[in-house]
């Protein structure tokens, strides 16, 4: 196993991790920004007002993107298992 193989595996793992986290974080970031602008405009400083919408949108995003996320993880894992003979030998 060469260092290039290790770096390629690590690079692919980071790409999958980045895709999985961005799918969840971007909608929560957008909703948090909108709620913050609403709070700044109305001068309401309630912490639960920003937490609950982000929680709801995160759960909704997980429900919608969950099958895609699972498929992405499974495809990466299967590809990694199939590449074992080429990497080791």
PDB file of N, CA and C in Angstrom:
ATOM      1  N   UNK A   1       0.861  -1.178   0.000  1.00  0.00           N
ATOM      2  CA  UNK A   1       0.000   0.000   0.000  1.00  0.00           C
ATOM      3  C   UNK A   1       0.902   1.235   0.000  1.00  0.00           C
ATOM      4  N   UNK A   2       0.742   2.032  -1.003  1.00  0.00           N
ATOM      5  CA  UNK A   2       1.594   3.199  -1.151  1.00  0.00           C
ATOM      6  C   UNK A   2       0.962   4.407  -0.444  1.00  0.00           C
ATOM      7  N   UNK A   3       1.768   5.404  -0.182  1.00  0.00           N
ATOM      8  CA  UNK A   3       1.222   6.618   0.447  1.00  0.00           C
ATOM      9  C   UNK A   3       0.153   7.296  -0.406  1.00  0.00           C
ATOM     10  N   UNK A   4       0.260   7.156  -1.731  1.00  0.00           N
ATOM     11  CA  UNK A   4      -0.751   7.744  -2.605  1.00  0.00           C
ATOM     12  C   UNK A   4      -2.114   7.083  -2.409  1.00  0.00           C
ATOM     13  N   UNK A   5      -2.100   5.761  -2.180  1.00  0.00           N
ATOM     14  CA  UNK A   5      -3.350   5.046  -1.927  1.00  0.00           C
ATOM     15  C   UNK A   5      -4.005   5.516  -0.635  1.00  0.00           C
ATOM     16  N   UNK A   6      -3.186   5.700   0.386  1.00  0.00           N
ATOM     17  CA  UNK A   6      -3.707   6.169   1.679  1.00  0.00           C
ATOM     18  C   UNK A   6      -4.294   7.567   1.531  1.00  0.00           C
ATOM     19  N   UNK A   7      -3.581   8.429   0.818  1.00  0.00           N
ATOM     20  CA  UNK A   7      -4.078   9.787   0.620  1.00  0.00           C
ATOM     21  C   UNK A   7      -5.358   9.824  -0.204  1.00  0.00           C
ATOM     22  N   UNK A   8      -5.464   8.941  -1.179  1.00  0.00           N
ATOM     23  CA  UNK A   8      -6.681   8.878  -1.990  1.00  0.00           C
ATOM     24  C   UNK A   8      -7.869   8.420  -1.150  1.00  0.00           C
ATOM     25  N   UNK A   9      -7.660   7.409  -0.333  1.00  0.00           N
ATOM     26  CA  UNK A   9      -8.728   6.935   0.557  1.00  0.00           C
ATOM     27  C   UNK A   9      -9.139   8.036   1.518  1.00  0.00           C
ATOM     28  N   UNK A  10      -8.164   8.710   2.093  1.00  0.00           N
ATOM     29  CA  UNK A  10      -8.456   9.786   3.036  1.00  0.00           C
ATOM     30  C   UNK A  10      -9.175  10.943   2.345  1.00  0.00           C
ATOM     31  N   UNK A  11      -8.769  11.272   1.131  1.00  0.00           N
ATOM     32  CA  UNK A  11      -9.408  12.349   0.375  1.00  0.00           C
ATOM     33  C   UNK A  11     -10.857  12.003   0.064  1.00  0.00           C
ATOM     34  N   UNK A  12     -11.116  10.779  -0.347  1.00  0.00           N
ATOM     35  CA  UNK A  12     -12.485  10.361  -0.631  1.00  0.00           C
ATOM     36  C   UNK A  12     -13.342  10.348   0.631  1.00  0.00           C
ATOM     37  N   UNK A  13     -12.754   9.926   1.752  1.00  0.00           N
ATOM     38  CA  UNK A  13     -13.488   9.928   3.014  1.00  0.00           C
ATOM     39  C   UNK A  13     -13.842  11.351   3.438  1.00  0.00           C
ATOM     40  N   UNK A  14     -12.922  12.278   3.263  1.00  0.00           N
ATOM     41  CA  UNK A  14     -13.200  13.676   3.597  1.00  0.00           C
ATOM     42  C   UNK A  14     -14.274  14.268   2.689  1.00  0.00           C
ATOM     43  N   UNK A  15     -14.261  13.883   1.413  1.00  0.00           N
ATOM     44  CA  UNK A  15     -15.279  14.366   0.488  1.00  0.00           C
ATOM     45  C   UNK A  15     -16.667  13.872   0.903  1.00  0.00           C
ATOM     46  N   UNK A  16     -16.767  12.592   1.254  1.00  0.00           N
ATOM     47  CA  UNK A  16     -18.055  12.044   1.699  1.00  0.00           C
ATOM     48  C   UNK A  16     -18.503  12.730   2.983  1.00  0.00           C
ATOM     49  N   UNK A  17     -17.582  12.922   3.915  1.00  0.00           N
ATOM     50  CA  UNK A  17     -17.909  13.605   5.172  1.00  0.00           C
ATOM     51  C   UNK A  17     -18.374  15.028   4.929  1.00  0.00           C
ATOM     52  N   UNK A  18     -17.714  15.733   4.039  1.00  0.00           N
ATOM     53  CA  UNK A  18     -18.096  17.106   3.714  1.00  0.00           C
ATOM     54  C   UNK A  18     -19.489  17.160   3.101  1.00  0.00           C
ATOM     55  N   UNK A  19     -19.774  16.252   2.187  1.00  0.00           N
ATOM     56  CA  UNK A  19     -21.100  16.212   1.565  1.00  0.00           C
ATOM     57  C   UNK A  19     -22.190  15.934   2.608  1.00  0.00           C
ATOM     58  N   UNK A  20     -21.924  15.012   3.520  1.00  0.00           N
ATOM     59  CA  UNK A  20     -22.925  14.659   4.522  1.00  0.00           C
ATOM     60  C   UNK A  20     -23.187  15.806   5.501  1.00  0.00           C
ATOM     61  N   UNK A  21     -22.150  16.509   5.886  1.00  0.00           N
ATOM     62  CA  UNK A  21     -22.340  17.593   6.846  1.00  0.00           C
ATOM     63  C   UNK A  21     -22.944  18.838   6.209  1.00  0.00           C
ATOM     64  N   UNK A  22     -22.559  19.135   4.967  1.00  0.00           N
ATOM     65  CA  UNK A  22     -23.092  20.331   4.325  1.00  0.00           C
ATOM     66  C   UNK A  22     -24.589  20.224   4.061  1.00  0.00           C
ATOM     67  N   UNK A  23     -25.057  19.022   3.773  1.00  0.00           N
ATOM     68  CA  UNK A  23     -26.488  18.828   3.528  1.00  0.00           C
ATOM     69  C   UNK A  23     -27.305  19.202   4.761  1.00  0.00           C
ATOM     70  N   UNK A  24     -26.760  18.969   5.930  1.00  0.00           N
ATOM     71  CA  UNK A  24     -27.473  19.275   7.169  1.00  0.00           C
ATOM     72  C   UNK A  24     -27.223  20.709   7.619  1.00  0.00           C
ATOM     73  N   UNK A  25     -25.984  21.171   7.490  1.00  0.00           N
ATOM     74  CA  UNK A  25     -25.624  22.469   8.060  1.00  0.00           C
ATOM     75  C   UNK A  25     -26.117  23.667   7.260  1.00  0.00           C
ATOM     76  N   UNK A  26     -26.148  23.573   5.938  1.00  0.00           N
ATOM     77  CA  UNK A  26     -26.533  24.738   5.132  1.00  0.00           C
ATOM     78  C   UNK A  26     -27.979  25.160   5.376  1.00  0.00           C
ATOM     79  N   UNK A  27     -28.961  24.240   5.366  1.00  0.00           N
ATOM     80  CA  UNK A  27     -30.333  24.695   5.684  1.00  0.00           C
ATOM     81  C   UNK A  27     -30.459  25.267   7.097  1.00  0.00           C
ATOM     82  N   UNK A  28     -29.771  24.660   8.068  1.00  0.00           N
ATOM     83  CA  UNK A  28     -29.824  25.179   9.440  1.00  0.00           C
ATOM     84  C   UNK A  28     -29.185  26.564   9.517  1.00  0.00           C
ATOM     85  N   UNK A  29     -28.121  26.785   8.763  1.00  0.00           N
ATOM     86  CA  UNK A  29     -27.474  28.098   8.735  1.00  0.00           C
ATOM     87  C   UNK A  29     -28.387  29.152   8.127  1.00  0.00           C
ATOM     88  N   UNK A  30     -29.067  28.806   7.042  1.00  0.00           N
ATOM     89  CA  UNK A  30     -29.965  29.758   6.393  1.00  0.00           C
ATOM     90  C   UNK A  30     -31.132  30.115   7.304  1.00  0.00           C
ATOM     91  N   UNK A  31     -31.734  29.101   7.946  1.00  0.00           N
ATOM     92  CA  UNK A  31     -32.854  29.363   8.859  1.00  0.00           C
ATOM     93  C   UNK A  31     -32.381  30.169  10.060  1.00  0.00           C
ATOM     94  N   UNK A  32     -31.208  29.861  10.578  1.00  0.00           N
ATOM     95  CA  UNK A  32     -30.668  30.629  11.706  1.00  0.00           C
ATOM     96  C   UNK A  32     -30.424  32.081  11.345  1.00  0.00           C
ATOM     97  N   UNK A  33     -29.951  32.321  10.137  1.00  0.00           N
ATOM     98  CA  UNK A  33     -29.729  33.698   9.687  1.00  0.00           C
ATOM     99  C   UNK A  33     -31.051  34.450   9.553  1.00  0.00           C
ATOM    100  N   UNK A  34     -32.062  33.782   8.996  1.00  0.00           N
ATOM    101  CA  UNK A  34     -33.368  34.435   8.854  1.00  0.00           C
ATOM    102  C   UNK A  34     -33.992  34.739  10.216  1.00  0.00           C
ATOM    103  N   UNK A  35     -33.876  33.814  11.147  1.00  0.00           N
ATOM    104  CA  UNK A  35     -34.423  34.039  12.489  1.00  0.00           C
ATOM    105  C   UNK A  35     -33.657  35.151  13.189  1.00  0.00           C
ATOM    106  N   UNK A  36     -32.348  35.198  13.006  1.00  0.00           N
ATOM    107  CA  UNK A  36     -31.547  36.268  13.615  1.00  0.00           C
ATOM    108  C   UNK A  36     -31.920  37.633  13.061  1.00  0.00           C
ATOM    109  N   UNK A  37     -32.163  37.702  11.756  1.00  0.00           N
ATOM    110  CA  UNK A  37     -32.592  38.979  11.177  1.00  0.00           C
ATOM    111  C   UNK A  37     -33.967  39.367  11.706  1.00  0.00           C
ATOM    112  N   UNK A  38     -34.863  38.405  11.873  1.00  0.00           N
ATOM    113  CA  UNK A  38     -36.182  38.681  12.454  1.00  0.00           C
ATOM    114  C   UNK A  38     -36.043  39.165  13.892  1.00  0.00           C
ATOM    115  N   UNK A  39     -35.178  38.535  14.653  1.00  0.00           N
ATOM    116  CA  UNK A  39     -34.966  38.949  16.041  1.00  0.00           C
ATOM    117  C   UNK A  39     -34.347  40.347  16.109  1.00  0.00           C
ATOM    118  N   UNK A  40     -33.443  40.659  15.216  1.00  0.00           N
ATOM    119  CA  UNK A  40     -32.832  41.985  15.217  1.00  0.00           C
ATOM    120  C   UNK A  40     -33.853  43.052  14.824  1.00  0.00           C
ATOM    121  N   UNK A  41     -34.741  42.714  13.900  1.00  0.00           N
ATOM    122  CA  UNK A  41     -35.738  43.689  13.456  1.00  0.00           C
ATOM    123  C   UNK A  41     -36.801  43.937  14.522  1.00  0.00           C
ATOM    124  N   UNK A  42     -37.170  42.892  15.253  1.00  0.00           N
ATOM    125  CA  UNK A  42     -38.231  43.043  16.259  1.00  0.00           C
ATOM    126  C   UNK A  42     -37.690  43.224  17.668  1.00  0.00           C
ATOM    127  N   UNK A  43     -36.388  43.113  17.841  1.00  0.00           N
ATOM    128  CA  UNK A  43     -35.724  43.238  19.142  1.00  0.00           C
ATOM    129  C   UNK A  43     -36.232  42.209  20.143  1.00  0.00           C
ATOM    130  N   UNK A  44     -36.525  41.010  19.661  1.00  0.00           N
ATOM    131  CA  UNK A  44     -36.900  39.897  20.535  1.00  0.00           C
ATOM    132  C   UNK A  44     -35.633  39.086  20.788  1.00  0.00           C
ATOM    133  N   UNK A  45     -35.258  38.925  22.044  1.00  0.00           N
ATOM    134  CA  UNK A  45     -34.033  38.209  22.398  1.00  0.00           C
ATOM    135  C   UNK A  45     -34.368  36.917  23.131  1.00  0.00           C
ATOM    136  N   UNK A  46     -35.107  36.068  22.493  1.00  0.00           N
ATOM    137  CA  UNK A  46     -35.483  34.784  23.077  1.00  0.00           C
ATOM    138  C   UNK A  46     -34.627  33.693  22.448  1.00  0.00           C
ATOM    139  N   UNK A  47     -33.936  32.908  23.261  1.00  0.00           N
ATOM    140  CA  UNK A  47     -33.030  31.877  22.745  1.00  0.00           C
ATOM    141  C   UNK A  47     -33.786  30.729  22.079  1.00  0.00           C
ATOM    142  N   UNK A  48     -34.945  30.373  22.611  1.00  0.00           N
ATOM    143  CA  UNK A  48     -35.680  29.252  22.020  1.00  0.00           C
ATOM    144  C   UNK A  48     -36.234  29.613  20.652  1.00  0.00           C
ATOM    145  N   UNK A  49     -36.404  30.895  20.376  1.00  0.00           N
ATOM    146  CA  UNK A  49     -36.903  31.320  19.070  1.00  0.00           C
ATOM    147  C   UNK A  49     -35.915  30.974  17.958  1.00  0.00           C
ATOM    148  N   UNK A  50     -34.634  30.958  18.261  1.00  0.00           N
ATOM    149  CA  UNK A  50     -33.651  30.590  17.239  1.00  0.00           C
ATOM    150  C   UNK A  50     -33.366  29.090  17.239  1.00  0.00           C
ATOM    151  N   UNK A  51     -33.566  28.427  18.374  1.00  0.00           N
ATOM    152  CA  UNK A  51     -33.236  27.007  18.470  1.00  0.00           C
ATOM    153  C   UNK A  51     -34.282  26.113  17.823  1.00  0.00           C
ATOM    154  N   UNK A  52     -35.542  26.375  18.079  1.00  0.00           N
ATOM    155  CA  UNK A  52     -36.627  25.507  17.607  1.00  0.00           C
ATOM    156  C   UNK A  52     -36.709  25.463  16.074  1.00  0.00           C
ATOM    157  N   UNK A  53     -36.681  26.576  15.344  1.00  0.00           N
ATOM    158  CA  UNK A  53     -36.724  26.479  13.871  1.00  0.00           C
ATOM    159  C   UNK A  53     -35.529  25.727  13.284  1.00  0.00           C
ATOM    160  N   UNK A  54     -34.338  25.920  13.862  1.00  0.00           N
ATOM    161  CA  UNK A  54     -33.169  25.197  13.369  1.00  0.00           C
ATOM    162  C   UNK A  54     -33.312  23.704  13.625  1.00  0.00           C
ATOM    163  N   UNK A  55     -33.863  23.339  14.768  1.00  0.00           N
ATOM    164  CA  UNK A  55     -34.085  21.934  15.079  1.00  0.00           C
ATOM    165  C   UNK A  55     -35.097  21.316  14.119  1.00  0.00           C
ATOM    166  N   UNK A  56     -36.163  22.039  13.859  1.00  0.00           N
ATOM    167  CA  UNK A  56     -37.203  21.531  12.956  1.00  0.00           C
ATOM    168  C   UNK A  56     -36.664  21.372  11.537  1.00  0.00           C
ATOM    169  N   UNK A  57     -35.938  22.361  11.036  1.00  0.00           N
ATOM    170  CA  UNK A  57     -35.412  22.272   9.669  1.00  0.00           C
ATOM    171  C   UNK A  57     -34.338  21.192   9.566  1.00  0.00           C
ATOM    172  N   UNK A  58     -33.582  20.972  10.627  1.00  0.00           N
ATOM    173  CA  UNK A  58     -32.581  19.903  10.616  1.00  0.00           C
ATOM    174  C   UNK A  58     -33.257  18.535  10.553  1.00  0.00           C
ATOM    175  N   UNK A  59     -34.300  18.342  11.346  1.00  0.00           N
ATOM    176  CA  UNK A  59     -35.028  17.074  11.305  1.00  0.00           C
ATOM    177  C   UNK A  59     -35.700  16.871   9.950  1.00  0.00           C
ATOM    178  N   UNK A  60     -36.278  17.921   9.389  1.00  0.00           N
ATOM    179  CA  UNK A  60     -36.917  17.835   8.086  1.00  0.00           C
ATOM    180  C   UNK A  60     -35.888  17.507   6.997  1.00  0.00           C
ATOM    181  N   UNK A  61     -34.718  18.129   7.086  1.00  0.00           N
ATOM    182  CA  UNK A  61     -33.650  17.859   6.122  1.00  0.00           C
ATOM    183  C   UNK A  61     -33.172  16.418   6.241  1.00  0.00           C
ATOM    184  N   UNK A  62     -33.053  15.923   7.474  1.00  0.00           N
ATOM    185  CA  UNK A  62     -32.650  14.529   7.661  1.00  0.00           C
ATOM    186  C   UNK A  62     -33.687  13.569   7.094  1.00  0.00           C
ATOM    187  N   UNK A  63     -34.963  13.909   7.225  1.00  0.00           N
ATOM    188  CA  UNK A  63     -36.000  13.050   6.661  1.00  0.00           C
ATOM    189  C   UNK A  63     -35.931  13.035   5.139  1.00  0.00           C
ATOM    190  N   UNK A  64     -35.697  14.193   4.531  1.00  0.00           N
ATOM    191  CA  UNK A  64     -35.636  14.262   3.079  1.00  0.00           C
ATOM    192  C   UNK A  64     -34.332  13.701   2.506  1.00  0.00           C
ATOM    193  N   UNK A  65     -33.221  14.032   3.124  1.00  0.00           N
ATOM    194  CA  UNK A  65     -31.922  13.650   2.579  1.00  0.00           C
ATOM    195  C   UNK A  65     -31.371  12.374   3.192  1.00  0.00           C
ATOM    196  N   UNK A  66     -32.059  11.794   4.153  1.00  0.00           N
ATOM    197  CA  UNK A  66     -31.578  10.584   4.814  1.00  0.00           C
ATOM    198  C   UNK A  66     -31.292   9.429   3.875  1.00  0.00           C
ATOM    199  N   UNK A  67     -32.221   9.095   2.974  1.00  0.00           N
ATOM    200  CA  UNK A  67     -31.924   7.994   2.043  1.00  0.00           C
ATOM    201  C   UNK A  67     -30.711   8.267   1.152  1.00  0.00           C
ATOM    202  N   UNK A  68     -30.573   9.510   0.692  1.00  0.00           N
ATOM    203  CA  UNK A  68     -29.414   9.862  -0.123  1.00  0.00           C
ATOM    204  C   UNK A  68     -28.127   9.752   0.684  1.00  0.00           C
ATOM    205  N   UNK A  69     -28.165  10.212   1.939  1.00  0.00           N
ATOM    206  CA  UNK A  69     -26.988  10.155   2.793  1.00  0.00           C
ATOM    207  C   UNK A  69     -26.581   8.704   3.061  1.00  0.00           C
ATOM    208  N   UNK A  70     -27.569   7.862   3.334  1.00  0.00           N
ATOM    209  CA  UNK A  70     -27.285   6.448   3.576  1.00  0.00           C
ATOM    210  C   UNK A  70     -26.712   5.792   2.327  1.00  0.00           C
ATOM    211  N   UNK A  71     -27.259   6.116   1.160  1.00  0.00           N
ATOM    212  CA  UNK A  71     -26.757   5.565  -0.095  1.00  0.00           C
ATOM    213  C   UNK A  71     -25.319   6.014  -0.346  1.00  0.00           C
ATOM    214  N   UNK A  72     -25.011   7.271  -0.031  1.00  0.00           N
ATOM    215  CA  UNK A  72     -23.652   7.786  -0.211  1.00  0.00           C
ATOM    216  C   UNK A  72     -22.663   7.041   0.679  1.00  0.00           C
ATOM    217  N   UNK A  73     -23.030   6.818   1.931  1.00  0.00           N
ATOM    218  CA  UNK A  73     -22.155   6.093   2.850  1.00  0.00           C
ATOM    219  C   UNK A  73     -21.982   4.641   2.395  1.00  0.00           C
ATOM    220  N   UNK A  74     -23.079   4.028   1.979  1.00  0.00           N
ATOM    221  CA  UNK A  74     -23.005   2.634   1.543  1.00  0.00           C
ATOM    222  C   UNK A  74     -22.177   2.489   0.270  1.00  0.00           C
ATOM    223  N   UNK A  75     -22.343   3.401  -0.678  1.00  0.00           N
ATOM    224  CA  UNK A  75     -21.558   3.340  -1.912  1.00  0.00           C
ATOM    225  C   UNK A  75     -20.066   3.502  -1.623  1.00  0.00           C
ATOM    226  N   UNK A  76     -19.733   4.425  -0.730  1.00  0.00           N
ATOM    227  CA  UNK A  76     -18.329   4.623  -0.379  1.00  0.00           C
ATOM    228  C   UNK A  76     -17.763   3.378   0.304  1.00  0.00           C
ATOM    229  N   UNK A  77     -18.531   2.811   1.228  1.00  0.00           N
ATOM    230  CA  UNK A  77     -18.061   1.633   1.947  1.00  0.00           C
ATOM    231  C   UNK A  77     -17.897   0.446   1.011  1.00  0.00           C
ATOM    232  N   UNK A  78     -18.870   0.226   0.133  1.00  0.00           N
ATOM    233  CA  UNK A  78     -18.764  -0.878  -0.819  1.00  0.00           C
ATOM    234  C   UNK A  78     -17.579  -0.695  -1.767  1.00  0.00           C
ATOM    235  N   UNK A  79     -17.359   0.526  -2.228  1.00  0.00           N
ATOM    236  CA  UNK A  79     -16.216   0.793  -3.099  1.00  0.00           C
ATOM    237  C   UNK A  79     -14.902   0.544  -2.364  1.00  0.00           C
ATOM    238  N   UNK A  80     -14.852   0.925  -1.097  1.00  0.00           N
ATOM    239  CA  UNK A  80     -13.648   0.712  -0.303  1.00  0.00           C
ATOM    240  C   UNK A  80     -13.391  -0.781  -0.102  1.00  0.00           C
ATOM    241  N   UNK A  81     -14.446  -1.546   0.168  1.00  0.00           N
ATOM    242  CA  UNK A  81     -14.293  -2.993   0.356  1.00  0.00           C
ATOM    243  C   UNK A  81     -13.892  -3.665  -0.954  1.00  0.00           C
ATOM    244  N   UNK A  82     -14.452  -3.226  -2.067  1.00  0.00           N
ATOM    245  CA  UNK A  82     -14.109  -3.812  -3.362  1.00  0.00           C
ATOM    246  C   UNK A  82     -12.677  -3.481  -3.778  1.00  0.00           C
ATOM    247  N   UNK A  83     -12.154  -2.372  -3.299  1.00  0.00           N
ATOM    248  CA  UNK A  83     -10.780  -1.971  -3.659  1.00  0.00           C
ATOM    249  C   UNK A  83      -9.712  -2.612  -2.785  1.00  0.00           C
ATOM    250  N   UNK A  84     -10.112  -3.370  -1.766  1.00  0.00           N
ATOM    251  CA  UNK A  84      -9.113  -3.976  -0.864  1.00  0.00           C
ATOM    252  C   UNK A  84      -8.106  -4.842  -1.609  1.00  0.00           C
ATOM    253  N   UNK A  85      -8.518  -5.726  -2.526  1.00  0.00           N
ATOM    254  CA  UNK A  85      -7.496  -6.538  -3.221  1.00  0.00           C
ATOM    255  C   UNK A  85      -6.505  -5.705  -4.034  1.00  0.00           C
ATOM    256  N   UNK A  86      -6.975  -4.602  -4.620  1.00  0.00           N
ATOM    257  CA  UNK A  86      -6.077  -3.769  -5.420  1.00  0.00           C
ATOM    258  C   UNK A  86      -5.148  -2.931  -4.552  1.00  0.00           C
ATOM    259  N   UNK A  87      -5.626  -2.565  -3.395  1.00  0.00           N
ATOM    260  CA  UNK A  87      -4.801  -1.743  -2.500  1.00  0.00           C
ATOM    261  C   UNK A  87      -3.745  -2.597  -1.805  1.00  0.00           C
ATOM    262  N   UNK A  88      -4.140  -3.760  -1.306  1.00  0.00           N
ATOM    263  CA  UNK A  88      -3.226  -4.599  -0.552  1.00  0.00           C
ATOM    264  C   UNK A  88      -2.250  -5.329  -1.481  1.00  0.00           C
ATOM    265  N   UNK A  89      -2.771  -5.850  -2.562  1.00  0.00           N
ATOM    266  CA  UNK A  89      -1.910  -6.690  -3.410  1.00  0.00           C
ATOM    267  C   UNK A  89      -1.543  -5.998  -4.643  1.00  0.00           C
TER     268      UNK A  89
END
